Each structure stands twice: as C-alpha cells, then as structure tokens.
C-alpha cells in the first residue's frame, strides 16, 4: 500500500507550434524547430514536472503547425434556427410576461382602482318631459290630473331616451303577460 499523494507514474505531452518568420516581402513562413531546440524544451519540461525515469515517467515534446489551411467546410456556421436560440427564447419569455402583466393591469387593476378612487354619484331621478306638475290648492287631494294623449306620448318618449333599459324591461313584461 502506497502513502497518499504518491504518484505511480507521470505522463506529459507537449505540442509546440512552428516558428513564424516574416520575410522582407511581408510573407509569413513557418519553420519547424531545430532538434537542439526540441531537446532544450524537453529538458525544461522534465525539470518542471519532476521527471523520474525509475518511476516510469514519460515526456513527449512534439513540434507541429497550429495553423492549417482553412477550408469553407471547416468553418462552423451557426445552424440553430432563430426561435431555438437561448437569447431569443429569453426575450420571448420576457415579452410574454410583459403582455400578461399589461392585460392584467388593464382588465383587472384599472377598473378596481377606478371603483376605489371614484366618488359615488348621487342617483338622479330622470326628468320627464311634458307639463310641469301643477300645485293644487290647499283643500284638494294630492292626486294629479291625468295627462292628455299627447302629454303621455311625450312623457314616454322622454323616458325612452333617458332610461332605455328600464323601458325595454317594461315592454318585456308586457309581452310576457300577453302569452
């Protein structure tokens, strides 16, 4: 059994890019490293990682070009449809939330606030067109004189323009009673 923290074996691989040299004409040329340079780098890596040949460690230093010729088919094109992109989904969720909030405010909160802040309106008695009631002398009973036919028609027309819902309800009850 080995103590904790002890290595069985160490394997290290290092890849080094070619040297780039710019010529007088401005063209960039790549040249591989010389074998002496690779040996120096290998020795440096072995010292840095604590290389031990008795333990079975291995260090590989390789020189290769990092840049290759780019072909059009090698270039990755974002082929995710617009509606499946995370940013678009987040924006859509945000807009949907804002629309729901707007509908909620306009349909629920606005009438509620109006009802709470609005002052109650006093109920007004509809004024009927026609002749004004005549005050009776002190000795007569409080029954007004019946209106003539034209006065009744004028009074009905005024009532229809002022409160059509009530008139419609009266007509419905008349029709319902005739059956």
N, C-alpha and C. Protein backbone atom coordinates (compact mmCIF):
# COMPACT_ATOMS: atom_id res chain seq x y z
N UNK A 1 0.84 -1.18 0.00
CA UNK A 1 0.00 0.00 0.00
C UNK A 1 0.89 1.24 0.00
N UNK A 2 0.51 2.23 -0.88
CA UNK A 2 1.32 3.44 -1.01
C UNK A 2 0.72 4.56 -0.18
N UNK A 3 1.57 5.46 0.31
CA UNK A 3 1.05 6.59 1.07
C UNK A 3 0.26 7.53 0.15
N UNK A 4 -0.66 8.30 0.75
CA UNK A 4 -1.50 9.22 -0.01
C UNK A 4 -0.64 10.30 -0.65
N UNK A 5 -0.97 10.67 -1.88
CA UNK A 5 -0.26 11.73 -2.56
C UNK A 5 0.96 11.27 -3.33
N UNK A 6 1.20 9.99 -3.40
CA UNK A 6 2.36 9.49 -4.13
C UNK A 6 1.93 9.12 -5.55
N UNK A 7 2.76 9.48 -6.53
CA UNK A 7 2.46 9.19 -7.93
C UNK A 7 2.98 7.82 -8.32
N UNK A 8 2.17 7.11 -9.11
CA UNK A 8 2.64 5.85 -9.66
C UNK A 8 3.50 6.10 -10.89
N UNK A 9 2.96 6.96 -11.75
CA UNK A 9 3.67 7.25 -12.98
C UNK A 9 3.16 8.60 -13.51
N UNK A 10 4.02 9.32 -14.22
CA UNK A 10 3.68 10.63 -14.76
C UNK A 10 3.87 10.60 -16.26
N UNK A 11 2.84 11.04 -17.00
CA UNK A 11 2.92 11.09 -18.46
C UNK A 11 2.59 12.51 -18.89
N UNK A 12 3.50 13.14 -19.64
CA UNK A 12 3.33 14.52 -20.06
C UNK A 12 3.54 14.59 -21.57
N UNK A 13 2.63 15.32 -22.25
CA UNK A 13 2.77 15.54 -23.70
C UNK A 13 2.69 17.04 -23.95
N UNK A 14 3.61 17.55 -24.77
CA UNK A 14 3.67 18.98 -25.08
C UNK A 14 3.72 19.12 -26.59
N UNK A 15 2.86 20.01 -27.13
CA UNK A 15 2.85 20.29 -28.56
C UNK A 15 3.27 21.74 -28.74
N UNK A 16 4.27 21.96 -29.58
CA UNK A 16 4.82 23.29 -29.79
C UNK A 16 4.59 23.68 -31.24
N UNK A 17 4.14 24.93 -31.44
CA UNK A 17 3.87 25.45 -32.78
C UNK A 17 5.18 25.73 -33.50
N UNK A 18 5.10 25.73 -34.83
CA UNK A 18 6.26 26.08 -35.65
C UNK A 18 6.62 27.54 -35.45
N UNK A 19 7.85 27.88 -35.78
CA UNK A 19 8.29 29.28 -35.73
C UNK A 19 7.77 30.00 -36.96
N UNK A 20 7.30 31.22 -36.76
CA UNK A 20 6.83 32.02 -37.89
C UNK A 20 7.85 33.13 -38.13
N UNK A 21 8.27 33.23 -39.37
CA UNK A 21 9.24 34.24 -39.75
C UNK A 21 8.63 35.07 -40.86
N UNK A 22 8.68 36.41 -40.69
CA UNK A 22 8.16 37.31 -41.70
C UNK A 22 9.30 37.73 -42.60
N UNK A 23 9.12 37.50 -43.89
CA UNK A 23 10.16 37.85 -44.86
C UNK A 23 10.12 39.32 -45.21
N UNK A 24 11.07 39.75 -46.05
CA UNK A 24 11.15 41.15 -46.45
C UNK A 24 9.95 41.56 -47.29
N UNK A 25 9.38 40.61 -48.00
CA UNK A 25 8.21 40.93 -48.84
C UNK A 25 6.91 40.92 -48.04
N UNK A 26 6.97 40.62 -46.74
CA UNK A 26 5.78 40.62 -45.88
C UNK A 26 5.12 39.27 -45.77
N UNK A 27 5.64 38.27 -46.46
CA UNK A 27 5.04 36.94 -46.40
C UNK A 27 5.53 36.23 -45.13
N UNK A 28 4.62 35.53 -44.49
CA UNK A 28 4.94 34.80 -43.26
C UNK A 28 5.21 33.35 -43.64
N UNK A 29 6.37 32.85 -43.19
CA UNK A 29 6.72 31.45 -43.44
C UNK A 29 6.89 30.75 -42.10
N UNK A 30 6.50 29.49 -42.08
CA UNK A 30 6.64 28.69 -40.87
C UNK A 30 7.82 27.75 -41.03
N UNK A 31 8.62 27.65 -39.97
CA UNK A 31 9.75 26.72 -39.99
C UNK A 31 9.69 25.87 -38.73
N UNK A 32 9.93 24.56 -38.85
CA UNK A 32 9.92 23.71 -37.66
C UNK A 32 11.11 24.03 -36.76
N UNK A 33 10.99 23.66 -35.50
CA UNK A 33 12.07 23.88 -34.54
C UNK A 33 13.23 22.92 -34.84
N UNK A 34 14.41 23.37 -34.52
CA UNK A 34 15.60 22.53 -34.70
C UNK A 34 15.62 21.46 -33.61
N UNK A 35 16.25 20.31 -33.87
CA UNK A 35 16.30 19.24 -32.86
C UNK A 35 16.94 19.70 -31.55
N UNK A 36 17.92 20.61 -31.60
CA UNK A 36 18.53 21.11 -30.37
C UNK A 36 17.52 21.90 -29.54
N UNK A 37 16.68 22.68 -30.22
CA UNK A 37 15.66 23.44 -29.51
C UNK A 37 14.64 22.50 -28.86
N UNK A 38 14.25 21.43 -29.57
CA UNK A 38 13.32 20.46 -29.00
C UNK A 38 13.93 19.77 -27.78
N UNK A 39 15.23 19.47 -27.82
CA UNK A 39 15.90 18.85 -26.67
C UNK A 39 15.91 19.79 -25.47
N UNK A 40 16.19 21.06 -25.71
CA UNK A 40 16.18 22.05 -24.62
C UNK A 40 14.79 22.15 -23.99
N UNK A 41 13.77 22.17 -24.82
CA UNK A 41 12.39 22.28 -24.31
C UNK A 41 12.02 21.00 -23.55
N UNK A 42 12.45 19.84 -24.06
CA UNK A 42 12.16 18.57 -23.38
C UNK A 42 12.82 18.55 -22.00
N UNK A 43 14.06 18.99 -21.91
CA UNK A 43 14.76 19.05 -20.63
C UNK A 43 14.05 20.01 -19.67
N UNK A 44 13.60 21.14 -20.18
CA UNK A 44 12.89 22.13 -19.37
C UNK A 44 11.58 21.54 -18.82
N UNK A 45 10.84 20.82 -19.67
CA UNK A 45 9.58 20.22 -19.23
C UNK A 45 9.84 19.14 -18.18
N UNK A 46 10.88 18.32 -18.38
CA UNK A 46 11.19 17.27 -17.41
C UNK A 46 11.52 17.86 -16.05
N UNK A 47 12.27 18.95 -16.04
CA UNK A 47 12.60 19.60 -14.77
C UNK A 47 11.35 20.22 -14.13
N UNK A 48 10.46 20.77 -14.94
CA UNK A 48 9.27 21.44 -14.41
C UNK A 48 8.29 20.46 -13.78
N UNK A 49 8.17 19.25 -14.32
CA UNK A 49 7.17 18.30 -13.80
C UNK A 49 7.75 17.31 -12.81
N UNK A 50 9.05 17.32 -12.60
CA UNK A 50 9.66 16.38 -11.66
C UNK A 50 9.78 14.98 -12.25
N UNK A 51 10.38 14.90 -13.41
CA UNK A 51 10.53 13.64 -14.14
C UNK A 51 11.41 12.67 -13.36
N UNK A 52 10.96 11.38 -13.29
CA UNK A 52 11.73 10.32 -12.63
C UNK A 52 11.65 9.08 -13.52
N UNK A 53 12.76 8.72 -14.15
CA UNK A 53 12.78 7.58 -15.08
C UNK A 53 12.55 6.27 -14.33
N UNK A 54 12.98 6.17 -13.07
CA UNK A 54 12.80 4.94 -12.29
C UNK A 54 11.32 4.67 -12.02
N UNK A 55 10.53 5.71 -11.96
CA UNK A 55 9.09 5.58 -11.70
C UNK A 55 8.34 5.20 -12.97
N UNK A 56 8.95 5.36 -14.13
CA UNK A 56 8.30 5.04 -15.40
C UNK A 56 7.67 6.25 -16.06
N UNK A 57 8.11 7.47 -15.68
CA UNK A 57 7.54 8.69 -16.26
C UNK A 57 7.93 8.79 -17.73
N UNK A 58 7.08 9.52 -18.48
CA UNK A 58 7.40 9.77 -19.89
C UNK A 58 7.03 11.20 -20.23
N UNK A 59 7.89 11.83 -21.04
CA UNK A 59 7.67 13.20 -21.50
C UNK A 59 7.87 13.19 -23.01
N UNK A 60 6.88 13.69 -23.73
CA UNK A 60 6.96 13.79 -25.19
C UNK A 60 6.77 15.24 -25.59
N UNK A 61 7.70 15.77 -26.36
CA UNK A 61 7.61 17.13 -26.89
C UNK A 61 7.61 17.00 -28.40
N UNK A 62 6.56 17.54 -29.03
CA UNK A 62 6.39 17.41 -30.48
C UNK A 62 6.21 18.80 -31.06
N UNK A 63 6.76 18.98 -32.25
CA UNK A 63 6.65 20.25 -32.96
C UNK A 63 5.72 20.05 -34.16
N UNK A 64 4.66 20.91 -34.25
CA UNK A 64 3.72 20.83 -35.38
C UNK A 64 3.12 22.22 -35.60
N UNK A 65 2.56 22.41 -36.76
CA UNK A 65 1.93 23.69 -37.07
C UNK A 65 0.54 23.75 -36.46
N UNK A 66 0.27 24.84 -35.76
CA UNK A 66 -1.06 25.02 -35.18
C UNK A 66 -2.05 25.51 -36.24
N UNK A 67 -1.53 26.16 -37.24
CA UNK A 67 -2.41 26.73 -38.26
C UNK A 67 -2.38 25.85 -39.49
N UNK A 68 -3.52 25.57 -39.99
CA UNK A 68 -3.62 24.84 -41.25
C UNK A 68 -4.40 25.71 -42.21
N UNK A 69 -4.56 25.25 -43.40
CA UNK A 69 -5.36 25.99 -44.37
C UNK A 69 -6.83 25.81 -44.01
N UNK A 70 -7.56 26.92 -43.92
CA UNK A 70 -8.98 26.85 -43.62
C UNK A 70 -9.76 26.58 -44.90
N UNK A 71 -10.61 25.60 -44.82
CA UNK A 71 -11.48 25.28 -45.94
C UNK A 71 -12.88 25.75 -45.58
N UNK A 72 -13.67 26.13 -46.56
CA UNK A 72 -15.02 26.62 -46.24
C UNK A 72 -15.85 25.62 -45.45
N UNK A 73 -15.67 24.33 -45.68
CA UNK A 73 -16.47 23.35 -44.94
C UNK A 73 -15.99 23.19 -43.49
N UNK A 74 -14.77 23.67 -43.19
CA UNK A 74 -14.26 23.59 -41.82
C UNK A 74 -14.82 24.69 -40.93
N UNK A 75 -15.28 25.76 -41.54
CA UNK A 75 -15.80 26.89 -40.76
C UNK A 75 -17.18 26.50 -40.23
N UNK A 76 -17.34 26.61 -38.92
CA UNK A 76 -18.61 26.26 -38.30
C UNK A 76 -19.60 27.39 -38.51
N UNK A 77 -20.74 27.05 -39.02
CA UNK A 77 -21.80 28.02 -39.22
C UNK A 77 -22.88 27.70 -38.20
N UNK A 78 -23.38 28.73 -37.58
CA UNK A 78 -24.43 28.55 -36.59
C UNK A 78 -25.70 28.11 -37.30
N UNK A 79 -26.03 26.83 -37.19
CA UNK A 79 -27.17 26.28 -37.90
C UNK A 79 -28.39 26.13 -37.00
N UNK A 80 -28.37 26.74 -35.84
CA UNK A 80 -29.52 26.68 -34.94
C UNK A 80 -30.56 27.68 -35.43
N UNK A 81 -31.80 27.25 -35.61
CA UNK A 81 -32.84 28.20 -36.05
C UNK A 81 -33.01 29.33 -35.03
N UNK A 82 -33.48 30.44 -35.52
CA UNK A 82 -33.60 31.64 -34.70
C UNK A 82 -34.46 31.40 -33.47
N UNK A 83 -35.58 30.71 -33.61
CA UNK A 83 -36.51 30.53 -32.50
C UNK A 83 -35.99 29.54 -31.45
N UNK A 84 -34.92 28.80 -31.75
CA UNK A 84 -34.37 27.85 -30.79
C UNK A 84 -33.16 28.41 -30.05
N UNK A 85 -32.73 29.59 -30.38
CA UNK A 85 -31.57 30.17 -29.72
C UNK A 85 -31.96 30.64 -28.32
N UNK A 86 -31.09 30.44 -27.34
CA UNK A 86 -31.43 30.80 -25.95
C UNK A 86 -31.75 32.27 -25.76
N UNK A 87 -31.04 33.15 -26.43
CA UNK A 87 -31.30 34.58 -26.27
C UNK A 87 -32.69 34.94 -26.78
N UNK A 88 -33.08 34.38 -27.91
CA UNK A 88 -34.40 34.66 -28.47
C UNK A 88 -35.49 34.10 -27.56
N UNK A 89 -35.26 32.93 -27.00
CA UNK A 89 -36.24 32.35 -26.07
C UNK A 89 -36.39 33.22 -24.83
N UNK A 90 -35.29 33.72 -24.30
CA UNK A 90 -35.36 34.57 -23.11
C UNK A 90 -36.12 35.86 -23.41
N UNK A 91 -35.86 36.45 -24.56
CA UNK A 91 -36.57 37.68 -24.94
C UNK A 91 -38.05 37.40 -25.13
N UNK A 92 -38.39 36.25 -25.73
CA UNK A 92 -39.80 35.90 -25.94
C UNK A 92 -40.51 35.70 -24.60
N UNK A 93 -39.84 35.06 -23.65
CA UNK A 93 -40.44 34.88 -22.32
C UNK A 93 -40.67 36.23 -21.64
N UNK A 94 -39.71 37.12 -21.77
CA UNK A 94 -39.85 38.44 -21.17
C UNK A 94 -41.01 39.21 -21.80
N UNK A 95 -41.12 39.17 -23.12
CA UNK A 95 -42.22 39.87 -23.79
C UNK A 95 -43.57 39.26 -23.42
N UNK A 96 -43.64 37.94 -23.33
CA UNK A 96 -44.89 37.29 -22.94
C UNK A 96 -45.30 37.71 -21.53
N UNK A 97 -44.34 37.79 -20.63
CA UNK A 97 -44.63 38.24 -19.28
C UNK A 97 -45.12 39.67 -19.24
N UNK A 98 -44.51 40.53 -20.05
CA UNK A 98 -44.95 41.93 -20.10
C UNK A 98 -46.36 42.05 -20.67
N UNK A 99 -46.68 41.24 -21.67
CA UNK A 99 -48.03 41.28 -22.25
C UNK A 99 -49.06 40.82 -21.23
N UNK A 100 -48.76 39.75 -20.51
CA UNK A 100 -49.68 39.26 -19.48
C UNK A 100 -49.87 40.31 -18.40
N UNK A 101 -48.78 40.95 -18.00
CA UNK A 101 -48.87 41.99 -16.98
C UNK A 101 -49.71 43.17 -17.47
N UNK A 102 -49.52 43.56 -18.71
CA UNK A 102 -50.28 44.67 -19.28
C UNK A 102 -51.77 44.34 -19.34
N UNK A 103 -52.10 43.13 -19.77
CA UNK A 103 -53.51 42.71 -19.83
C UNK A 103 -54.10 42.68 -18.42
N UNK A 104 -53.34 42.19 -17.47
CA UNK A 104 -53.82 42.15 -16.09
C UNK A 104 -54.09 43.55 -15.55
N UNK A 105 -53.18 44.46 -15.81
CA UNK A 105 -53.36 45.83 -15.32
C UNK A 105 -54.57 46.49 -15.98
N UNK A 106 -54.70 46.32 -17.30
CA UNK A 106 -55.79 46.99 -18.00
C UNK A 106 -57.15 46.36 -17.72
N UNK A 107 -57.20 45.06 -17.51
CA UNK A 107 -58.50 44.42 -17.34
C UNK A 107 -58.94 44.29 -15.88
N UNK A 108 -58.00 44.18 -14.96
CA UNK A 108 -58.38 43.95 -13.57
C UNK A 108 -58.08 45.16 -12.69
N UNK A 109 -56.87 45.61 -12.74
CA UNK A 109 -56.45 46.65 -11.81
C UNK A 109 -57.08 48.01 -12.11
N UNK A 110 -57.18 48.35 -13.38
CA UNK A 110 -57.70 49.67 -13.73
C UNK A 110 -59.15 49.85 -13.27
N UNK A 111 -60.06 48.91 -13.57
CA UNK A 111 -61.42 49.09 -13.05
C UNK A 111 -61.48 49.06 -11.52
N UNK A 112 -60.64 48.25 -10.91
CA UNK A 112 -60.62 48.17 -9.45
C UNK A 112 -60.20 49.50 -8.85
N UNK A 113 -59.17 50.11 -9.41
CA UNK A 113 -58.70 51.40 -8.91
C UNK A 113 -59.74 52.48 -9.17
N UNK A 114 -60.38 52.42 -10.33
CA UNK A 114 -61.44 53.39 -10.61
C UNK A 114 -62.56 53.28 -9.58
N UNK A 115 -62.93 52.06 -9.25
CA UNK A 115 -64.00 51.86 -8.28
C UNK A 115 -63.62 52.34 -6.89
N UNK A 116 -62.34 52.17 -6.52
CA UNK A 116 -61.91 52.60 -5.20
C UNK A 116 -61.74 54.12 -5.11
N UNK A 117 -61.23 54.72 -6.17
CA UNK A 117 -60.95 56.15 -6.14
C UNK A 117 -62.13 57.01 -6.57
N UNK A 118 -63.01 56.45 -7.36
CA UNK A 118 -64.13 57.23 -7.88
C UNK A 118 -65.12 57.57 -6.77
N UNK A 119 -65.66 58.77 -6.81
CA UNK A 119 -66.65 59.16 -5.81
C UNK A 119 -68.01 58.63 -6.22
N UNK A 120 -68.81 58.22 -5.27
CA UNK A 120 -70.14 57.71 -5.63
C UNK A 120 -71.00 58.84 -6.19
N UNK A 121 -71.68 58.53 -7.26
CA UNK A 121 -72.54 59.52 -7.90
C UNK A 121 -73.93 59.46 -7.29
N UNK A 122 -74.48 60.60 -7.00
CA UNK A 122 -75.85 60.58 -6.45
C UNK A 122 -76.83 60.15 -7.54
N UNK A 123 -77.77 59.34 -7.13
CA UNK A 123 -78.76 58.86 -8.09
C UNK A 123 -79.67 60.01 -8.47
N UNK A 124 -79.83 60.21 -9.76
CA UNK A 124 -80.67 61.30 -10.23
C UNK A 124 -81.98 60.73 -10.76
N UNK A 125 -83.02 61.39 -10.43
CA UNK A 125 -84.32 60.99 -10.95
C UNK A 125 -84.44 61.53 -12.36
N UNK A 126 -84.84 60.69 -13.30
CA UNK A 126 -84.99 61.20 -14.66
C UNK A 126 -86.13 62.21 -14.72
N UNK A 127 -85.87 63.30 -15.41
CA UNK A 127 -86.91 64.31 -15.58
C UNK A 127 -87.76 63.92 -16.77
N UNK A 128 -89.00 64.01 -16.60
CA UNK A 128 -89.93 63.67 -17.66
C UNK A 128 -90.33 64.94 -18.39
N UNK A 129 -90.42 64.80 -19.70
CA UNK A 129 -90.85 65.96 -20.48
C UNK A 129 -92.36 66.09 -20.37
N UNK A 130 -92.78 67.20 -20.58
CA UNK A 130 -94.22 67.42 -20.51
C UNK A 130 -94.51 68.57 -19.59
N UNK A 131 -95.75 68.77 -19.34
CA UNK A 131 -96.10 69.90 -18.48
C UNK A 131 -95.65 69.66 -17.05
N UNK A 132 -95.25 70.73 -16.42
CA UNK A 132 -94.82 70.66 -15.03
C UNK A 132 -96.04 70.38 -14.17
N UNK A 133 -95.85 69.63 -13.08
CA UNK A 133 -96.99 69.39 -12.21
C UNK A 133 -97.49 70.71 -11.60
N UNK A 134 -98.75 70.78 -11.51
CA UNK A 134 -99.39 72.00 -11.01
C UNK A 134 -99.68 71.81 -9.54
N UNK A 135 -99.33 72.80 -8.76
CA UNK A 135 -99.62 72.73 -7.33
C UNK A 135 -101.13 72.89 -7.12
N UNK A 136 -101.68 72.00 -6.33
CA UNK A 136 -103.12 72.03 -6.07
C UNK A 136 -103.42 72.99 -4.93
N UNK A 137 -104.57 73.53 -4.97
CA UNK A 137 -104.95 74.37 -3.83
C UNK A 137 -104.99 73.55 -2.56
N UNK A 138 -104.91 74.18 -1.46
CA UNK A 138 -104.78 73.51 -0.16
C UNK A 138 -105.94 72.59 0.14
N UNK A 139 -107.08 72.79 -0.36
CA UNK A 139 -108.24 71.98 0.00
C UNK A 139 -108.39 70.74 -0.85
N UNK A 140 -107.67 70.55 -1.97
CA UNK A 140 -107.88 69.41 -2.86
C UNK A 140 -106.93 68.27 -2.51
N UNK A 141 -107.31 67.07 -2.94
CA UNK A 141 -106.50 65.88 -2.68
C UNK A 141 -105.22 65.94 -3.51
N UNK A 142 -104.19 65.15 -3.14
CA UNK A 142 -102.88 65.18 -3.80
C UNK A 142 -102.80 64.32 -5.04
N UNK A 143 -103.85 64.10 -5.78
CA UNK A 143 -103.82 63.29 -7.00
C UNK A 143 -103.70 64.24 -8.18
N UNK A 144 -102.63 64.09 -9.01
CA UNK A 144 -102.50 64.99 -10.15
C UNK A 144 -103.55 64.67 -11.21
N UNK A 145 -103.83 65.65 -11.99
CA UNK A 145 -104.82 65.48 -13.06
C UNK A 145 -104.22 64.60 -14.14
N UNK A 146 -104.99 63.72 -14.76
CA UNK A 146 -104.46 62.85 -15.81
C UNK A 146 -104.03 63.67 -17.03
N UNK A 147 -102.93 63.19 -17.69
CA UNK A 147 -102.42 63.88 -18.87
C UNK A 147 -103.25 63.48 -20.08
N UNK A 148 -103.28 64.37 -21.06
CA UNK A 148 -103.97 64.01 -22.30
C UNK A 148 -103.07 63.07 -23.11
N UNK A 149 -103.53 62.58 -24.24
CA UNK A 149 -102.82 61.59 -25.04
C UNK A 149 -101.46 62.11 -25.50
N UNK A 150 -101.39 63.33 -25.99
CA UNK A 150 -100.13 63.90 -26.46
C UNK A 150 -99.12 64.05 -25.32
N UNK A 151 -99.57 64.40 -24.16
CA UNK A 151 -98.69 64.53 -22.99
C UNK A 151 -98.11 63.18 -22.58
N UNK A 152 -98.95 62.12 -22.66
CA UNK A 152 -98.47 60.78 -22.33
C UNK A 152 -97.42 60.31 -23.33
N UNK A 153 -97.63 60.58 -24.63
CA UNK A 153 -96.66 60.20 -25.67
C UNK A 153 -95.34 60.94 -25.44
N UNK A 154 -95.39 62.21 -25.15
CA UNK A 154 -94.17 63.00 -24.92
C UNK A 154 -93.43 62.48 -23.70
N UNK A 155 -94.18 62.13 -22.67
CA UNK A 155 -93.56 61.61 -21.45
C UNK A 155 -92.90 60.25 -21.73
N UNK A 156 -93.53 59.39 -22.52
CA UNK A 156 -92.96 58.07 -22.86
C UNK A 156 -91.69 58.23 -23.70
N UNK A 157 -91.70 59.15 -24.66
CA UNK A 157 -90.50 59.38 -25.48
C UNK A 157 -89.33 59.87 -24.63
N UNK A 158 -89.59 60.74 -23.73
CA UNK A 158 -88.54 61.24 -22.85
C UNK A 158 -87.97 60.12 -22.00
N UNK A 159 -88.84 59.28 -21.50
CA UNK A 159 -88.39 58.15 -20.68
C UNK A 159 -87.53 57.18 -21.50
N UNK A 160 -87.90 56.97 -22.77
CA UNK A 160 -87.13 56.07 -23.64
C UNK A 160 -85.72 56.63 -23.87
N UNK A 161 -85.59 57.92 -24.08
CA UNK A 161 -84.26 58.49 -24.32
C UNK A 161 -83.42 58.54 -23.05
N UNK A 162 -84.05 58.70 -21.89
CA UNK A 162 -83.29 58.81 -20.65
C UNK A 162 -82.93 57.45 -20.06
N UNK A 163 -83.80 56.48 -20.12
CA UNK A 163 -83.54 55.18 -19.50
C UNK A 163 -84.08 54.06 -20.39
N UNK A 164 -83.38 53.75 -21.50
CA UNK A 164 -83.89 52.74 -22.43
C UNK A 164 -83.93 51.34 -21.84
N UNK A 165 -83.04 51.02 -20.90
CA UNK A 165 -83.03 49.68 -20.32
C UNK A 165 -84.30 49.44 -19.52
N UNK A 166 -84.73 50.42 -18.78
CA UNK A 166 -85.95 50.27 -17.97
C UNK A 166 -87.17 50.11 -18.88
N UNK A 167 -87.21 50.89 -19.96
CA UNK A 167 -88.34 50.81 -20.89
C UNK A 167 -88.36 49.44 -21.55
N UNK A 168 -87.19 48.92 -21.91
CA UNK A 168 -87.13 47.59 -22.52
C UNK A 168 -87.64 46.54 -21.55
N UNK A 169 -87.31 46.68 -20.29
CA UNK A 169 -87.78 45.72 -19.29
C UNK A 169 -89.30 45.77 -19.15
N UNK A 170 -89.86 46.96 -19.19
CA UNK A 170 -91.32 47.11 -19.09
C UNK A 170 -91.99 46.46 -20.28
N UNK A 171 -91.43 46.67 -21.48
CA UNK A 171 -92.02 46.08 -22.68
C UNK A 171 -91.93 44.56 -22.61
N UNK A 172 -90.82 44.03 -22.09
CA UNK A 172 -90.68 42.57 -21.96
C UNK A 172 -91.75 42.01 -21.02
N UNK A 173 -92.00 42.68 -19.94
CA UNK A 173 -93.04 42.18 -19.02
C UNK A 173 -94.42 42.27 -19.66
N UNK A 174 -94.67 43.29 -20.46
CA UNK A 174 -95.96 43.39 -21.14
C UNK A 174 -96.14 42.23 -22.11
N UNK A 175 -95.06 41.94 -22.88
CA UNK A 175 -95.15 40.85 -23.85
C UNK A 175 -95.29 39.53 -23.13
N UNK A 176 -94.60 39.36 -22.02
CA UNK A 176 -94.68 38.12 -21.26
C UNK A 176 -96.05 37.91 -20.65
N UNK A 177 -96.74 38.96 -20.28
CA UNK A 177 -98.08 38.85 -19.68
C UNK A 177 -99.14 38.53 -20.71
N UNK A 178 -98.91 38.84 -21.98
CA UNK A 178 -99.90 38.60 -23.03
C UNK A 178 -99.96 37.13 -23.42
N UNK A 179 -98.97 36.36 -23.12
CA UNK A 179 -98.95 34.96 -23.56
C UNK A 179 -99.90 34.10 -22.80
